[in-house]
Amino acid sequence: MGVTFSRGRTINYMRWMAFVDGTNFLCHLSEELSIPFKAEKPPPVSLKAATTLINHICRDKLGPGKVRNYWFSSYQGNDECRDKLARELRKNDFEPVLFQRRDGREKGVDIALAKEMLVNAFNQNFDIGILIAGDEDYVGLVNEVKRYGPVIYGAFFSSHGLAENLRIACDKFFDIIKDNRIVIDSADYKNIVEELRKS
């Protein structure tokens, strides 16, 4: 009797990838914390607060098995501004996909996120995808990616900025705000937020 080997996944090791609509996330984080900053030209400490929060949620909900975190956003300014933003994201363990804002408008972010998520799903690069976004525009993407087999989780601020049909489309959805508090409760994160308030 021959022995066959399967490429199937093991229960103990689920590969996951995060896909973040960064501009949208920063806008709503600014509102939730009541700390005004520009999402298209964020100070490094606001990026640190955002990426720390996302990393915490992913570790808490998904555990080990991370393949890659993608951050999609627009930026305001020249190539030097883009490079500075990219360096900060890299430092916080995110793959930056950045688009220059033109005429005060953001273009290309939604399409780039959709393309990256679909290509990685088609190539079976992840078992669980977590979408950090709240726009209704992503409902079709979530349904299409699920056809390739991955489980899709969502996470966003449910108090505002979240389309209910996106919540329903995801296999699981995690509220970033619960009982009027951000879900992460650590001294490290509180220090970052305090630093952000002072900047």
N, C-alpha and C. Protein backbone atom coordinates (compact mmCIF):
# COMPACT_ATOMS: atom_id res chain seq x y z
N MET A 1 0.85 -1.19 0.00
CA MET A 1 0.00 0.00 0.00
C MET A 1 0.89 1.24 0.00
N GLY A 2 0.67 2.15 -0.93
CA GLY A 2 1.48 3.36 -1.02
C GLY A 2 1.03 4.43 -0.03
N VAL A 3 1.94 5.33 0.26
CA VAL A 3 1.63 6.45 1.15
C VAL A 3 1.53 7.72 0.32
N THR A 4 0.46 8.45 0.50
CA THR A 4 0.30 9.71 -0.25
C THR A 4 0.44 10.88 0.71
N PHE A 5 0.97 11.94 0.19
CA PHE A 5 1.14 13.16 0.99
C PHE A 5 0.24 14.25 0.42
N SER A 6 -0.40 14.97 1.31
CA SER A 6 -1.32 16.02 0.91
C SER A 6 -0.71 17.39 1.18
N ARG A 7 -1.06 18.34 0.33
CA ARG A 7 -0.63 19.72 0.57
C ARG A 7 -1.63 20.44 1.47
N GLY A 8 -2.56 19.71 2.02
CA GLY A 8 -3.62 20.32 2.84
C GLY A 8 -3.08 21.05 4.05
N ARG A 9 -3.91 21.96 4.57
CA ARG A 9 -3.52 22.77 5.71
C ARG A 9 -3.62 21.98 7.00
N THR A 10 -2.83 22.38 7.98
CA THR A 10 -2.96 21.76 9.29
C THR A 10 -3.78 22.67 10.18
N ILE A 11 -4.49 22.10 11.12
CA ILE A 11 -5.36 22.86 12.02
C ILE A 11 -4.55 23.81 12.88
N ASN A 12 -3.34 23.41 13.24
CA ASN A 12 -2.54 24.18 14.18
C ASN A 12 -1.79 25.36 13.55
N TYR A 13 -1.82 25.45 12.25
CA TYR A 13 -1.05 26.53 11.62
C TYR A 13 -1.86 27.15 10.50
N MET A 14 -2.56 28.22 10.82
CA MET A 14 -3.37 28.91 9.83
C MET A 14 -2.62 30.17 9.38
N ARG A 15 -2.30 30.22 8.11
CA ARG A 15 -1.59 31.38 7.57
C ARG A 15 -2.58 32.53 7.38
N TRP A 16 -2.20 33.72 7.82
CA TRP A 16 -3.11 34.85 7.67
C TRP A 16 -2.39 36.08 7.13
N MET A 17 -3.17 36.93 6.49
CA MET A 17 -2.67 38.20 5.97
C MET A 17 -3.67 39.29 6.34
N ALA A 18 -3.15 40.48 6.62
CA ALA A 18 -4.01 41.63 6.92
C ALA A 18 -3.95 42.63 5.77
N PHE A 19 -5.11 43.20 5.46
CA PHE A 19 -5.25 44.18 4.39
C PHE A 19 -5.94 45.41 5.00
N VAL A 20 -5.20 46.52 5.09
CA VAL A 20 -5.68 47.69 5.83
C VAL A 20 -5.91 48.87 4.89
N ASP A 21 -7.14 49.41 4.92
CA ASP A 21 -7.42 50.67 4.25
C ASP A 21 -6.91 51.76 5.20
N GLY A 22 -5.64 52.12 5.05
CA GLY A 22 -4.95 52.95 6.02
C GLY A 22 -5.51 54.35 6.18
N THR A 23 -5.85 55.01 5.07
CA THR A 23 -6.38 56.37 5.16
C THR A 23 -7.68 56.38 5.95
N ASN A 24 -8.56 55.46 5.60
CA ASN A 24 -9.85 55.34 6.27
C ASN A 24 -9.67 55.02 7.76
N PHE A 25 -8.76 54.11 8.04
CA PHE A 25 -8.51 53.70 9.43
C PHE A 25 -8.01 54.89 10.25
N LEU A 26 -7.04 55.63 9.71
CA LEU A 26 -6.49 56.78 10.43
C LEU A 26 -7.54 57.87 10.67
N CYS A 27 -8.40 58.11 9.67
CA CYS A 27 -9.47 59.11 9.83
C CYS A 27 -10.36 58.76 11.02
N HIS A 28 -10.77 57.51 11.09
CA HIS A 28 -11.69 57.10 12.16
C HIS A 28 -10.98 56.96 13.50
N LEU A 29 -9.71 56.59 13.48
CA LEU A 29 -8.94 56.55 14.73
C LEU A 29 -8.82 57.95 15.31
N SER A 30 -8.58 58.93 14.45
CA SER A 30 -8.50 60.32 14.88
C SER A 30 -9.80 60.76 15.55
N GLU A 31 -10.94 60.38 14.95
CA GLU A 31 -12.25 60.72 15.52
C GLU A 31 -12.49 60.01 16.84
N GLU A 32 -12.16 58.71 16.89
CA GLU A 32 -12.41 57.93 18.10
C GLU A 32 -11.59 58.43 19.29
N LEU A 33 -10.35 58.83 19.01
CA LEU A 33 -9.48 59.31 20.09
C LEU A 33 -9.65 60.81 20.35
N SER A 34 -10.45 61.48 19.49
CA SER A 34 -10.62 62.95 19.57
C SER A 34 -9.28 63.66 19.52
N ILE A 35 -8.40 63.16 18.64
CA ILE A 35 -7.09 63.77 18.43
C ILE A 35 -6.99 64.11 16.95
N PRO A 36 -7.06 65.40 16.59
CA PRO A 36 -7.04 65.75 15.17
C PRO A 36 -5.65 65.57 14.55
N PHE A 37 -5.59 64.80 13.47
CA PHE A 37 -4.38 64.73 12.65
C PHE A 37 -4.81 64.36 11.23
N LYS A 38 -3.99 64.72 10.25
CA LYS A 38 -4.33 64.46 8.86
C LYS A 38 -3.95 63.04 8.47
N ALA A 39 -4.93 62.29 8.00
CA ALA A 39 -4.66 60.91 7.60
C ALA A 39 -3.72 60.84 6.41
N GLU A 40 -3.76 61.86 5.53
CA GLU A 40 -2.90 61.83 4.34
C GLU A 40 -1.49 62.34 4.62
N LYS A 41 -1.28 62.91 5.82
CA LYS A 41 0.06 63.35 6.21
C LYS A 41 0.21 63.09 7.72
N PRO A 42 0.15 61.81 8.13
CA PRO A 42 0.10 61.49 9.56
C PRO A 42 1.45 61.65 10.24
N PRO A 43 1.45 62.14 11.49
CA PRO A 43 2.71 62.15 12.24
C PRO A 43 3.11 60.71 12.56
N PRO A 44 4.41 60.44 12.68
CA PRO A 44 4.86 59.07 12.96
C PRO A 44 4.18 58.43 14.16
N VAL A 45 3.88 59.23 15.20
CA VAL A 45 3.26 58.64 16.40
C VAL A 45 1.83 58.16 16.13
N SER A 46 1.12 58.81 15.19
CA SER A 46 -0.23 58.34 14.86
C SER A 46 -0.16 57.01 14.10
N LEU A 47 0.85 56.88 13.24
CA LEU A 47 1.05 55.59 12.56
C LEU A 47 1.40 54.50 13.55
N LYS A 48 2.23 54.86 14.54
CA LYS A 48 2.61 53.88 15.56
C LYS A 48 1.37 53.44 16.35
N ALA A 49 0.50 54.39 16.69
CA ALA A 49 -0.73 54.05 17.41
C ALA A 49 -1.62 53.14 16.58
N ALA A 50 -1.77 53.47 15.29
CA ALA A 50 -2.64 52.69 14.40
C ALA A 50 -2.09 51.28 14.17
N THR A 51 -0.81 51.19 13.86
CA THR A 51 -0.23 49.87 13.56
C THR A 51 -0.13 49.00 14.82
N THR A 52 0.12 49.62 15.97
CA THR A 52 0.15 48.85 17.22
C THR A 52 -1.23 48.26 17.50
N LEU A 53 -2.26 49.07 17.29
CA LEU A 53 -3.64 48.61 17.50
C LEU A 53 -3.98 47.46 16.56
N ILE A 54 -3.64 47.61 15.28
CA ILE A 54 -3.93 46.56 14.30
C ILE A 54 -3.16 45.28 14.62
N ASN A 55 -1.87 45.42 14.94
CA ASN A 55 -1.07 44.24 15.28
C ASN A 55 -1.64 43.51 16.50
N HIS A 56 -2.11 44.28 17.48
CA HIS A 56 -2.69 43.67 18.68
C HIS A 56 -3.95 42.88 18.32
N ILE A 57 -4.83 43.49 17.51
CA ILE A 57 -6.07 42.81 17.12
C ILE A 57 -5.76 41.52 16.37
N CYS A 58 -4.81 41.60 15.43
CA CYS A 58 -4.46 40.42 14.63
C CYS A 58 -3.86 39.31 15.49
N ARG A 59 -2.95 39.68 16.39
CA ARG A 59 -2.35 38.66 17.27
C ARG A 59 -3.40 38.04 18.17
N ASP A 60 -4.29 38.88 18.70
CA ASP A 60 -5.32 38.41 19.63
C ASP A 60 -6.33 37.50 18.95
N LYS A 61 -6.74 37.86 17.74
CA LYS A 61 -7.80 37.11 17.06
C LYS A 61 -7.28 35.99 16.17
N LEU A 62 -6.03 36.11 15.67
CA LEU A 62 -5.53 35.16 14.69
C LEU A 62 -4.34 34.33 15.16
N GLY A 63 -3.61 34.81 16.15
CA GLY A 63 -2.47 34.06 16.68
C GLY A 63 -1.28 34.06 15.73
N PRO A 64 -0.41 33.06 15.85
CA PRO A 64 0.77 32.99 14.97
C PRO A 64 0.35 32.61 13.55
N GLY A 65 1.27 32.72 12.63
CA GLY A 65 0.96 32.33 11.26
C GLY A 65 0.88 33.50 10.29
N LYS A 66 1.32 34.69 10.75
CA LYS A 66 1.26 35.86 9.87
C LYS A 66 2.18 35.67 8.67
N VAL A 67 1.65 35.99 7.50
CA VAL A 67 2.43 36.00 6.27
C VAL A 67 2.88 37.43 5.97
N ARG A 68 1.92 38.36 5.98
CA ARG A 68 2.25 39.76 5.66
C ARG A 68 1.09 40.67 6.06
N ASN A 69 1.43 41.91 6.46
CA ASN A 69 0.45 42.97 6.69
C ASN A 69 0.60 44.00 5.58
N TYR A 70 -0.49 44.32 4.88
CA TYR A 70 -0.47 45.35 3.84
C TYR A 70 -1.16 46.61 4.35
N TRP A 71 -0.58 47.76 4.03
CA TRP A 71 -1.17 49.06 4.38
C TRP A 71 -1.34 49.86 3.09
N PHE A 72 -2.59 50.17 2.76
CA PHE A 72 -2.92 50.90 1.54
C PHE A 72 -3.39 52.30 1.94
N SER A 73 -2.75 53.33 1.40
CA SER A 73 -3.20 54.69 1.71
C SER A 73 -2.67 55.69 0.71
N SER A 74 -3.25 56.88 0.79
CA SER A 74 -2.76 57.99 -0.02
C SER A 74 -1.88 58.86 0.87
N TYR A 75 -1.10 59.70 0.24
CA TYR A 75 -0.25 60.63 0.99
C TYR A 75 -0.27 61.98 0.30
N GLN A 76 0.03 63.00 1.06
CA GLN A 76 0.08 64.36 0.52
C GLN A 76 1.53 64.82 0.55
N GLY A 77 2.01 65.35 -0.58
CA GLY A 77 3.38 65.84 -0.63
C GLY A 77 4.18 65.21 -1.75
N ASN A 78 5.50 65.34 -1.62
CA ASN A 78 6.41 64.88 -2.68
C ASN A 78 6.95 63.48 -2.39
N ASP A 79 7.94 63.06 -3.17
CA ASP A 79 8.52 61.72 -3.00
C ASP A 79 9.16 61.54 -1.63
N GLU A 80 9.69 62.63 -1.09
CA GLU A 80 10.31 62.55 0.23
C GLU A 80 9.25 62.22 1.30
N CYS A 81 8.07 62.82 1.16
CA CYS A 81 6.96 62.52 2.08
C CYS A 81 6.54 61.05 1.95
N ARG A 82 6.48 60.57 0.70
CA ARG A 82 6.12 59.17 0.46
C ARG A 82 7.14 58.23 1.11
N ASP A 83 8.43 58.53 0.90
CA ASP A 83 9.48 57.67 1.44
C ASP A 83 9.48 57.65 2.97
N LYS A 84 9.21 58.81 3.56
CA LYS A 84 9.15 58.90 5.02
C LYS A 84 8.01 58.05 5.57
N LEU A 85 6.84 58.14 4.92
CA LEU A 85 5.68 57.34 5.33
C LEU A 85 5.96 55.85 5.14
N ALA A 86 6.57 55.50 4.02
CA ALA A 86 6.90 54.09 3.75
C ALA A 86 7.87 53.54 4.79
N ARG A 87 8.88 54.35 5.17
CA ARG A 87 9.85 53.91 6.18
C ARG A 87 9.17 53.66 7.53
N GLU A 88 8.26 54.55 7.91
CA GLU A 88 7.55 54.39 9.18
C GLU A 88 6.70 53.12 9.17
N LEU A 89 6.04 52.86 8.07
CA LEU A 89 5.21 51.66 7.97
C LEU A 89 6.06 50.40 8.00
N ARG A 90 7.19 50.43 7.31
CA ARG A 90 8.12 49.28 7.32
C ARG A 90 8.63 49.02 8.74
N LYS A 91 8.94 50.11 9.44
CA LYS A 91 9.44 49.99 10.81
C LYS A 91 8.41 49.29 11.71
N ASN A 92 7.12 49.49 11.38
CA ASN A 92 6.04 48.90 12.17
C ASN A 92 5.52 47.60 11.55
N ASP A 93 6.32 47.01 10.63
CA ASP A 93 6.04 45.69 10.07
C ASP A 93 4.85 45.66 9.11
N PHE A 94 4.69 46.71 8.31
CA PHE A 94 3.64 46.75 7.29
C PHE A 94 4.25 46.96 5.92
N GLU A 95 3.67 46.31 4.94
CA GLU A 95 4.05 46.48 3.53
C GLU A 95 3.31 47.70 3.00
N PRO A 96 4.02 48.81 2.68
CA PRO A 96 3.33 50.02 2.24
C PRO A 96 2.95 49.99 0.75
N VAL A 97 1.70 50.34 0.46
CA VAL A 97 1.24 50.53 -0.91
C VAL A 97 0.62 51.93 -0.92
N LEU A 98 1.36 52.90 -1.48
CA LEU A 98 1.02 54.31 -1.30
C LEU A 98 0.73 55.01 -2.63
N PHE A 99 -0.22 55.93 -2.59
CA PHE A 99 -0.63 56.68 -3.77
C PHE A 99 -0.65 58.17 -3.44
N GLN A 100 -0.08 58.97 -4.33
CA GLN A 100 -0.08 60.42 -4.11
C GLN A 100 -1.49 60.99 -4.30
N ARG A 101 -1.87 61.84 -3.38
CA ARG A 101 -3.17 62.52 -3.47
C ARG A 101 -3.09 63.59 -4.55
N ARG A 102 -4.06 63.62 -5.44
CA ARG A 102 -4.06 64.60 -6.52
C ARG A 102 -5.36 65.40 -6.49
N ASP A 103 -5.24 66.71 -6.56
CA ASP A 103 -6.41 67.60 -6.50
C ASP A 103 -7.24 67.34 -5.24
N GLY A 104 -6.55 67.00 -4.16
CA GLY A 104 -7.23 66.77 -2.88
C GLY A 104 -8.03 65.48 -2.82
N ARG A 105 -7.85 64.61 -3.82
CA ARG A 105 -8.65 63.37 -3.87
C ARG A 105 -7.75 62.14 -3.79
N GLU A 106 -8.31 61.09 -3.19
CA GLU A 106 -7.60 59.83 -3.09
C GLU A 106 -8.03 58.93 -4.24
N LYS A 107 -7.04 58.40 -4.96
CA LYS A 107 -7.35 57.50 -6.07
C LYS A 107 -6.43 56.29 -6.02
N GLY A 108 -6.99 55.13 -6.30
CA GLY A 108 -6.18 53.93 -6.45
C GLY A 108 -6.12 53.02 -5.24
N VAL A 109 -6.46 53.51 -4.06
CA VAL A 109 -6.30 52.72 -2.83
C VAL A 109 -7.22 51.51 -2.83
N ASP A 110 -8.53 51.72 -3.09
CA ASP A 110 -9.50 50.61 -3.07
C ASP A 110 -9.14 49.54 -4.10
N ILE A 111 -8.76 49.98 -5.29
CA ILE A 111 -8.45 49.03 -6.37
C ILE A 111 -7.19 48.23 -6.02
N ALA A 112 -6.18 48.91 -5.47
CA ALA A 112 -4.93 48.22 -5.11
C ALA A 112 -5.18 47.19 -4.01
N LEU A 113 -5.99 47.55 -3.02
CA LEU A 113 -6.31 46.61 -1.93
C LEU A 113 -7.05 45.40 -2.51
N ALA A 114 -8.04 45.66 -3.35
CA ALA A 114 -8.82 44.56 -3.94
C ALA A 114 -7.92 43.64 -4.77
N LYS A 115 -7.05 44.22 -5.58
CA LYS A 115 -6.16 43.42 -6.43
C LYS A 115 -5.25 42.54 -5.58
N GLU A 116 -4.64 43.12 -4.55
CA GLU A 116 -3.69 42.37 -3.72
C GLU A 116 -4.38 41.24 -2.98
N MET A 117 -5.57 41.52 -2.47
CA MET A 117 -6.30 40.49 -1.73
C MET A 117 -6.74 39.35 -2.65
N LEU A 118 -7.21 39.69 -3.84
CA LEU A 118 -7.66 38.67 -4.80
C LEU A 118 -6.49 37.83 -5.32
N VAL A 119 -5.38 38.47 -5.67
CA VAL A 119 -4.22 37.74 -6.19
C VAL A 119 -3.68 36.77 -5.14
N ASN A 120 -3.58 37.23 -3.89
CA ASN A 120 -3.08 36.37 -2.82
C ASN A 120 -4.05 35.23 -2.50
N ALA A 121 -5.35 35.50 -2.60
CA ALA A 121 -6.35 34.44 -2.38
C ALA A 121 -6.27 33.41 -3.50
N PHE A 122 -6.17 33.89 -4.75
CA PHE A 122 -6.08 32.99 -5.90
C PHE A 122 -4.85 32.08 -5.80
N ASN A 123 -3.73 32.65 -5.32
CA ASN A 123 -2.50 31.87 -5.18
C ASN A 123 -2.42 31.09 -3.87
N GLN A 124 -3.50 31.09 -3.12
CA GLN A 124 -3.60 30.34 -1.86
C GLN A 124 -2.48 30.70 -0.89
N ASN A 125 -2.19 31.99 -0.79
CA ASN A 125 -1.13 32.46 0.10
C ASN A 125 -1.58 32.65 1.54
N PHE A 126 -2.89 32.60 1.78
CA PHE A 126 -3.38 32.72 3.16
C PHE A 126 -4.63 31.89 3.36
N ASP A 127 -4.82 31.47 4.61
CA ASP A 127 -6.02 30.71 4.99
C ASP A 127 -7.09 31.65 5.56
N ILE A 128 -6.62 32.70 6.24
CA ILE A 128 -7.51 33.71 6.81
C ILE A 128 -7.02 35.08 6.34
N GLY A 129 -7.93 35.86 5.81
CA GLY A 129 -7.62 37.24 5.47
C GLY A 129 -8.40 38.14 6.42
N ILE A 130 -7.75 39.15 6.96
CA ILE A 130 -8.46 40.10 7.80
C ILE A 130 -8.46 41.45 7.10
N LEU A 131 -9.65 41.97 6.87
CA LEU A 131 -9.84 43.25 6.19
C LEU A 131 -10.12 44.31 7.25
N ILE A 132 -9.24 45.30 7.32
CA ILE A 132 -9.43 46.40 8.27
C ILE A 132 -9.97 47.57 7.46
N ALA A 133 -11.28 47.65 7.36
CA ALA A 133 -11.95 48.66 6.54
C ALA A 133 -13.42 48.68 6.91
N GLY A 134 -14.12 49.73 6.48
CA GLY A 134 -15.54 49.81 6.82
C GLY A 134 -16.44 50.14 5.65
N ASP A 135 -15.87 50.38 4.47
CA ASP A 135 -16.65 50.84 3.32
C ASP A 135 -17.49 49.73 2.70
N GLU A 136 -18.67 50.10 2.26
CA GLU A 136 -19.57 49.19 1.57
C GLU A 136 -18.96 48.68 0.27
N ASP A 137 -18.06 49.49 -0.32
CA ASP A 137 -17.42 49.12 -1.59
C ASP A 137 -16.68 47.78 -1.51
N TYR A 138 -16.30 47.36 -0.31
CA TYR A 138 -15.53 46.13 -0.15
C TYR A 138 -16.38 44.86 -0.06
N VAL A 139 -17.70 45.00 -0.05
CA VAL A 139 -18.58 43.82 0.09
C VAL A 139 -18.36 42.84 -1.06
N GLY A 140 -18.33 43.36 -2.29
CA GLY A 140 -18.11 42.50 -3.46
C GLY A 140 -16.77 41.80 -3.40
N LEU A 141 -15.75 42.51 -2.94
CA LEU A 141 -14.41 41.92 -2.80
C LEU A 141 -14.43 40.75 -1.82
N VAL A 142 -15.03 40.97 -0.65
CA VAL A 142 -15.09 39.91 0.37
C VAL A 142 -15.77 38.67 -0.19
N ASN A 143 -16.90 38.86 -0.87
CA ASN A 143 -17.63 37.71 -1.42
C ASN A 143 -16.82 37.00 -2.50
N GLU A 144 -16.09 37.76 -3.30
CA GLU A 144 -15.28 37.15 -4.36
C GLU A 144 -14.10 36.38 -3.78
N VAL A 145 -13.42 36.94 -2.78
CA VAL A 145 -12.27 36.28 -2.16
C VAL A 145 -12.70 34.97 -1.50
N LYS A 146 -13.88 34.97 -0.87
CA LYS A 146 -14.37 33.75 -0.20
C LYS A 146 -14.56 32.61 -1.20
N ARG A 147 -14.80 32.93 -2.45
CA ARG A 147 -14.97 31.88 -3.47
C ARG A 147 -13.70 31.08 -3.68
N TYR A 148 -12.53 31.67 -3.36
CA TYR A 148 -11.26 30.96 -3.49
C TYR A 148 -10.95 30.10 -2.26
N GLY A 149 -11.77 30.19 -1.23
CA GLY A 149 -11.59 29.31 -0.08
C GLY A 149 -11.21 29.93 1.25
N PRO A 150 -10.50 31.09 1.28
CA PRO A 150 -10.10 31.62 2.58
C PRO A 150 -11.29 32.08 3.42
N VAL A 151 -11.07 32.06 4.72
CA VAL A 151 -12.02 32.65 5.66
C VAL A 151 -11.67 34.14 5.74
N ILE A 152 -12.71 34.98 5.75
CA ILE A 152 -12.47 36.43 5.79
C ILE A 152 -13.03 37.02 7.08
N TYR A 153 -12.14 37.63 7.85
CA TYR A 153 -12.52 38.37 9.05
C TYR A 153 -12.50 39.85 8.71
N GLY A 154 -13.28 40.60 9.46
CA GLY A 154 -13.27 42.05 9.32
C GLY A 154 -13.08 42.69 10.68
N ALA A 155 -12.56 43.90 10.68
CA ALA A 155 -12.42 44.66 11.93
C ALA A 155 -12.49 46.14 11.58
N PHE A 156 -13.29 46.88 12.36
CA PHE A 156 -13.36 48.33 12.15
C PHE A 156 -14.11 48.96 13.31
N PHE A 157 -14.30 50.27 13.20
CA PHE A 157 -15.03 51.02 14.23
C PHE A 157 -16.51 50.96 13.91
N SER A 158 -17.28 50.23 14.72
CA SER A 158 -18.70 50.05 14.40
C SER A 158 -19.53 51.27 14.76
N SER A 159 -19.00 52.16 15.61
CA SER A 159 -19.77 53.34 16.02
C SER A 159 -20.05 54.27 14.85
N HIS A 160 -19.13 54.33 13.89
CA HIS A 160 -19.36 55.08 12.66
C HIS A 160 -18.34 54.61 11.63
N GLY A 161 -18.70 54.81 10.35
CA GLY A 161 -17.76 54.44 9.29
C GLY A 161 -17.84 52.99 8.86
N LEU A 162 -18.79 52.21 9.44
CA LEU A 162 -18.89 50.80 9.09
C LEU A 162 -20.22 50.53 8.37
N ALA A 163 -20.13 49.93 7.18
CA ALA A 163 -21.33 49.52 6.46
C ALA A 163 -21.80 48.17 7.03
N GLU A 164 -23.06 48.10 7.39
CA GLU A 164 -23.59 46.87 8.02
C GLU A 164 -23.49 45.67 7.09
N ASN A 165 -23.67 45.88 5.77
CA ASN A 165 -23.58 44.73 4.86
C ASN A 165 -22.15 44.21 4.71
N LEU A 166 -21.14 45.04 5.04
CA LEU A 166 -19.76 44.55 5.07
C LEU A 166 -19.56 43.65 6.29
N ARG A 167 -20.11 44.06 7.42
CA ARG A 167 -20.06 43.23 8.62
C ARG A 167 -20.68 41.86 8.35
N ILE A 168 -21.83 41.86 7.66
CA ILE A 168 -22.54 40.61 7.37
C ILE A 168 -21.76 39.75 6.37
N ALA A 169 -21.09 40.37 5.40
CA ALA A 169 -20.34 39.62 4.37
C ALA A 169 -19.15 38.86 4.97
N CYS A 170 -18.54 39.42 6.02
CA CYS A 170 -17.36 38.77 6.64
C CYS A 170 -17.78 37.54 7.44
N ASP A 171 -16.92 36.52 7.46
CA ASP A 171 -17.21 35.32 8.24
C ASP A 171 -17.28 35.62 9.74
N LYS A 172 -16.41 36.53 10.18
CA LYS A 172 -16.43 37.04 11.56
C LYS A 172 -16.09 38.51 11.50
N PHE A 173 -16.63 39.26 12.45
CA PHE A 173 -16.31 40.68 12.49
C PHE A 173 -15.98 41.09 13.92
N PHE A 174 -14.93 41.90 14.06
CA PHE A 174 -14.48 42.35 15.38
C PHE A 174 -14.61 43.87 15.48
N ASP A 175 -15.32 44.30 16.51
CA ASP A 175 -15.44 45.73 16.77
C ASP A 175 -14.16 46.22 17.44
N ILE A 176 -13.60 47.29 16.91
CA ILE A 176 -12.39 47.86 17.51
C ILE A 176 -12.74 48.66 18.76
N ILE A 177 -13.97 49.17 18.81
CA ILE A 177 -14.45 49.89 20.00
C ILE A 177 -15.53 49.07 20.67
N LYS A 178 -15.37 48.81 21.96
CA LYS A 178 -16.40 48.12 22.74
C LYS A 178 -16.62 48.89 24.02
N ASP A 179 -17.89 49.11 24.36
CA ASP A 179 -18.23 49.87 25.57
C ASP A 179 -17.50 51.20 25.61
N ASN A 180 -17.45 51.87 24.45
CA ASN A 180 -16.80 53.18 24.31
C ASN A 180 -15.30 53.15 24.60
N ARG A 181 -14.68 51.97 24.52
CA ARG A 181 -13.24 51.86 24.76
C ARG A 181 -12.60 51.07 23.63
N ILE A 182 -11.40 51.47 23.24
CA ILE A 182 -10.64 50.70 22.25
C ILE A 182 -10.27 49.37 22.90
N VAL A 183 -10.36 48.29 22.12
CA VAL A 183 -10.23 46.94 22.68
C VAL A 183 -8.86 46.64 23.29
N ILE A 184 -7.83 47.34 22.89
CA ILE A 184 -6.51 47.07 23.44
C ILE A 184 -6.36 47.79 24.78
N ASP A 185 -5.94 47.07 25.79
CA ASP A 185 -5.78 47.65 27.12
C ASP A 185 -4.39 47.31 27.63
N SER A 186 -3.41 48.06 27.16
CA SER A 186 -2.03 47.80 27.59
C SER A 186 -1.34 49.12 27.88
N ALA A 187 -0.41 49.09 28.80
CA ALA A 187 0.34 50.29 29.18
C ALA A 187 1.08 50.85 27.97
N ASP A 188 1.62 49.95 27.14
CA ASP A 188 2.38 50.37 25.96
C ASP A 188 1.52 51.21 25.03
N TYR A 189 0.30 50.73 24.76
CA TYR A 189 -0.59 51.45 23.85
C TYR A 189 -1.05 52.78 24.48
N LYS A 190 -1.34 52.76 25.77
CA LYS A 190 -1.74 54.00 26.45
C LYS A 190 -0.63 55.05 26.37
N ASN A 191 0.61 54.62 26.50
CA ASN A 191 1.74 55.55 26.39
C ASN A 191 1.82 56.16 24.99
N ILE A 192 1.57 55.33 23.97
CA ILE A 192 1.60 55.82 22.59
C ILE A 192 0.50 56.86 22.38
N VAL A 193 -0.71 56.58 22.90
CA VAL A 193 -1.82 57.52 22.75
C VAL A 193 -1.53 58.83 23.48
N GLU A 194 -0.92 58.72 24.67
CA GLU A 194 -0.55 59.94 25.40
C GLU A 194 0.47 60.77 24.62
N GLU A 195 1.41 60.06 24.00
CA GLU A 195 2.43 60.72 23.17
C GLU A 195 1.75 61.43 21.99
N LEU A 196 0.74 60.77 21.41
CA LEU A 196 0.00 61.33 20.29
C LEU A 196 -0.77 62.58 20.74
N ARG A 197 -1.37 62.54 21.90
CA ARG A 197 -2.12 63.69 22.41
C ARG A 197 -1.21 64.91 22.58
N LYS A 198 0.04 64.66 22.96
CA LYS A 198 0.99 65.77 23.20
C LYS A 198 1.59 66.33 21.93
N SER A 199 1.56 65.54 20.85
CA SER A 199 2.25 65.96 19.62
C SER A 199 1.46 67.04 18.87
